[in-house]
Each structure stands twice: as structure tokens, then as C-alpha cells.
Amino acid sequence: MKASLHIRRLHHQARKGTDLEKTMAVFVLDKKKQPLMPFSEKRARLLLERGRAVVVRLDPFTIRLKDRVGGETQLLRLQQEQNG
């Protein structure tokens, strides 16, 4: 299954029963597997379609850039919603 299809499915699942204003952030790693600032799902989908990134994990959805080392970072906190 293509990675861009994974993003669309995850986005659809995230939108069910939630505000449409919330957007899914895609976690990003550079070429050396160091964390970068999250991307929007649109930017991640374009990078995957153009072959400039690969999927590393599905939960949480994380991509690794093939052609970028280093960049802007910021401390973030991951919070997962519990179903049930």
C-alpha cells in the first residue's frame, strides 16, 4: 500500500468525531534519523509521492527525509487520544 494512502486513511480516522480545524501533524526525521519539526500532512504526502521521503513508522506516523540533514527543531510533547 502506498504511503500517501496511509496518510489519507489516518487523516480520515482522525477527523471522525473531531473538529475539522484540527490537522494531523506528521513527525519527520532527517537523513541521519534526527527529529525535525513536524510537517503538515499535505507536505508529507507530496514528499512521499516525489520520492524525497520514506515511511518509518505508522503509529505515530513518521517519515524520514532522504535528502536533508539538520534543520529547525523545537521541543514537542506527544499526546495520544485513548479510544473507548
C-alpha atoms as a PDB file:
ATOM      1  CA  MET A   1       0.000   0.000   0.000  1.00  0.00           C
ATOM      2  CA  LYS A   2       1.326   3.448  -0.894  1.00  0.00           C
ATOM      3  CA  ALA A   3       2.416   5.730   1.931  1.00  0.00           C
ATOM      4  CA  SER A   4       0.229   8.595   0.719  1.00  0.00           C
ATOM      5  CA  LEU A   5      -2.796   6.314   1.087  1.00  0.00           C
ATOM      6  CA  HIS A   6      -1.764   5.657   4.710  1.00  0.00           C
ATOM      7  CA  ILE A   7      -1.768   9.407   5.362  1.00  0.00           C
ATOM      8  CA  ARG A   8      -5.224   9.808   3.838  1.00  0.00           C
ATOM      9  CA  ARG A   9      -6.617   6.931   5.908  1.00  0.00           C
ATOM     10  CA  LEU A  10      -5.055   8.221   9.118  1.00  0.00           C
ATOM     11  CA  HIS A  11      -6.368  11.706   8.393  1.00  0.00           C
ATOM     12  CA  HIS A  12      -9.870  10.339   7.776  1.00  0.00           C
ATOM     13  CA  GLN A  13      -9.761   8.386  11.039  1.00  0.00           C
ATOM     14  CA  ALA A  14      -8.511  11.447  12.937  1.00  0.00           C
ATOM     15  CA  ARG A  15     -11.365  13.585  11.580  1.00  0.00           C
ATOM     16  CA  LYS A  16     -14.130  11.214  12.667  1.00  0.00           C
ATOM     17  CA  GLY A  17     -15.959  12.828  15.564  1.00  0.00           C
ATOM     18  CA  THR A  18     -13.420  15.643  15.993  1.00  0.00           C
ATOM     19  CA  ASP A  19     -13.214  19.267  14.968  1.00  0.00           C
ATOM     20  CA  LEU A  20     -12.302  19.722  11.325  1.00  0.00           C
ATOM     21  CA  GLU A  21      -9.997  22.557  12.381  1.00  0.00           C
ATOM     22  CA  LYS A  22      -7.531  20.108  13.906  1.00  0.00           C
ATOM     23  CA  THR A  23      -4.957  18.898  11.419  1.00  0.00           C
ATOM     24  CA  MET A  24      -2.744  15.877  11.671  1.00  0.00           C
ATOM     25  CA  ALA A  25       0.949  16.596  12.133  1.00  0.00           C
ATOM     26  CA  VAL A  26       3.396  14.195  10.543  1.00  0.00           C
ATOM     27  CA  PHE A  27       6.583  13.551  12.506  1.00  0.00           C
ATOM     28  CA  VAL A  28       9.750  13.992  10.467  1.00  0.00           C
ATOM     29  CA  LEU A  29      13.307  12.676  10.727  1.00  0.00           C
ATOM     30  CA  ASP A  30      16.267  13.915   8.714  1.00  0.00           C
ATOM     31  CA  LYS A  31      18.668  11.710   6.729  1.00  0.00           C
ATOM     32  CA  LYS A  32      20.600  10.878   9.929  1.00  0.00           C
ATOM     33  CA  LYS A  33      17.357   9.989  11.785  1.00  0.00           C
ATOM     34  CA  GLN A  34      17.377  13.148  13.918  1.00  0.00           C
ATOM     35  CA  PRO A  35      13.953  14.711  14.645  1.00  0.00           C
ATOM     36  CA  LEU A  36      12.811  17.830  12.804  1.00  0.00           C
ATOM     37  CA  MET A  37       9.718  19.998  13.162  1.00  0.00           C
ATOM     38  CA  PRO A  38       6.510  18.177  12.173  1.00  0.00           C
ATOM     39  CA  PHE A  39       5.117  18.744   8.678  1.00  0.00           C
ATOM     40  CA  SER A  40       1.535  19.127   7.559  1.00  0.00           C
ATOM     41  CA  GLU A  41       0.006  16.018   6.042  1.00  0.00           C
ATOM     42  CA  LYS A  42      -0.092  17.742   2.639  1.00  0.00           C
ATOM     43  CA  ARG A  43       3.639  18.477   2.653  1.00  0.00           C
ATOM     44  CA  ALA A  44       4.427  14.930   3.819  1.00  0.00           C
ATOM     45  CA  ARG A  45       2.215  13.429   1.104  1.00  0.00           C
ATOM     46  CA  LEU A  46       3.968  15.491  -1.593  1.00  0.00           C
ATOM     47  CA  LEU A  47       7.425  14.469  -0.355  1.00  0.00           C
ATOM     48  CA  LEU A  48       6.408  10.793  -0.334  1.00  0.00           C
ATOM     49  CA  GLU A  49       4.897  10.980  -3.821  1.00  0.00           C
ATOM     50  CA  ARG A  50       8.048  12.646  -5.188  1.00  0.00           C
ATOM     51  CA  GLY A  51      10.299  10.013  -3.600  1.00  0.00           C
ATOM     52  CA  ARG A  52      12.033  12.505  -1.291  1.00  0.00           C
ATOM     53  CA  ALA A  53      10.864  10.721   1.890  1.00  0.00           C
ATOM     54  CA  VAL A  54      10.103   7.226   3.188  1.00  0.00           C
ATOM     55  CA  VAL A  55       7.731   5.994   5.885  1.00  0.00           C
ATOM     56  CA  VAL A  56       9.480   4.988   9.102  1.00  0.00           C
ATOM     57  CA  ARG A  57       6.514   4.276  11.396  1.00  0.00           C
ATOM     58  CA  LEU A  58       2.754   4.176  11.071  1.00  0.00           C
ATOM     59  CA  ASP A  59       1.884   4.902  14.715  1.00  0.00           C
ATOM     60  CA  PRO A  60       2.656   7.716  15.217  1.00  0.00           C
ATOM     61  CA  PHE A  61       3.006   8.365  11.510  1.00  0.00           C
ATOM     62  CA  THR A  62       6.648   9.309  10.894  1.00  0.00           C
ATOM     63  CA  ILE A  63       8.620   9.923   7.715  1.00  0.00           C
ATOM     64  CA  ARG A  64      12.360  10.211   7.056  1.00  0.00           C
ATOM     65  CA  LEU A  65      13.692  12.673   4.512  1.00  0.00           C
ATOM     66  CA  LYS A  66      16.206  11.215   2.068  1.00  0.00           C
ATOM     67  CA  ASP A  67      17.968  14.454   1.166  1.00  0.00           C
ATOM     68  CA  ARG A  68      18.049  16.687   4.234  1.00  0.00           C
ATOM     69  CA  VAL A  69      20.358  16.783   7.251  1.00  0.00           C
ATOM     70  CA  GLY A  70      19.667  19.077  10.198  1.00  0.00           C
ATOM     71  CA  GLY A  71      17.163  21.872  10.358  1.00  0.00           C
ATOM     72  CA  GLU A  72      14.850  23.678  12.712  1.00  0.00           C
ATOM     73  CA  THR A  73      13.795  21.787  15.823  1.00  0.00           C
ATOM     74  CA  GLN A  74      11.642  22.518  18.844  1.00  0.00           C
ATOM     75  CA  LEU A  75      10.709  20.525  21.929  1.00  0.00           C
ATOM     76  CA  LEU A  76       7.300  18.915  21.444  1.00  0.00           C
ATOM     77  CA  ARG A  77       5.055  16.721  23.534  1.00  0.00           C
ATOM     78  CA  LEU A  78       3.158  13.801  22.011  1.00  0.00           C
ATOM     79  CA  GLN A  79      -0.329  13.175  23.323  1.00  0.00           C
ATOM     80  CA  GLN A  80      -2.342  10.221  22.089  1.00  0.00           C
ATOM     81  CA  GLU A  81      -6.098  10.039  22.468  1.00  0.00           C
ATOM     82  CA  GLN A  82      -7.448   6.885  24.022  1.00  0.00           C
ATOM     83  CA  ASN A  83     -10.355   5.234  22.227  1.00  0.00           C
ATOM     84  CA  GLY A  84     -13.035   3.856  24.411  1.00  0.00           C
END
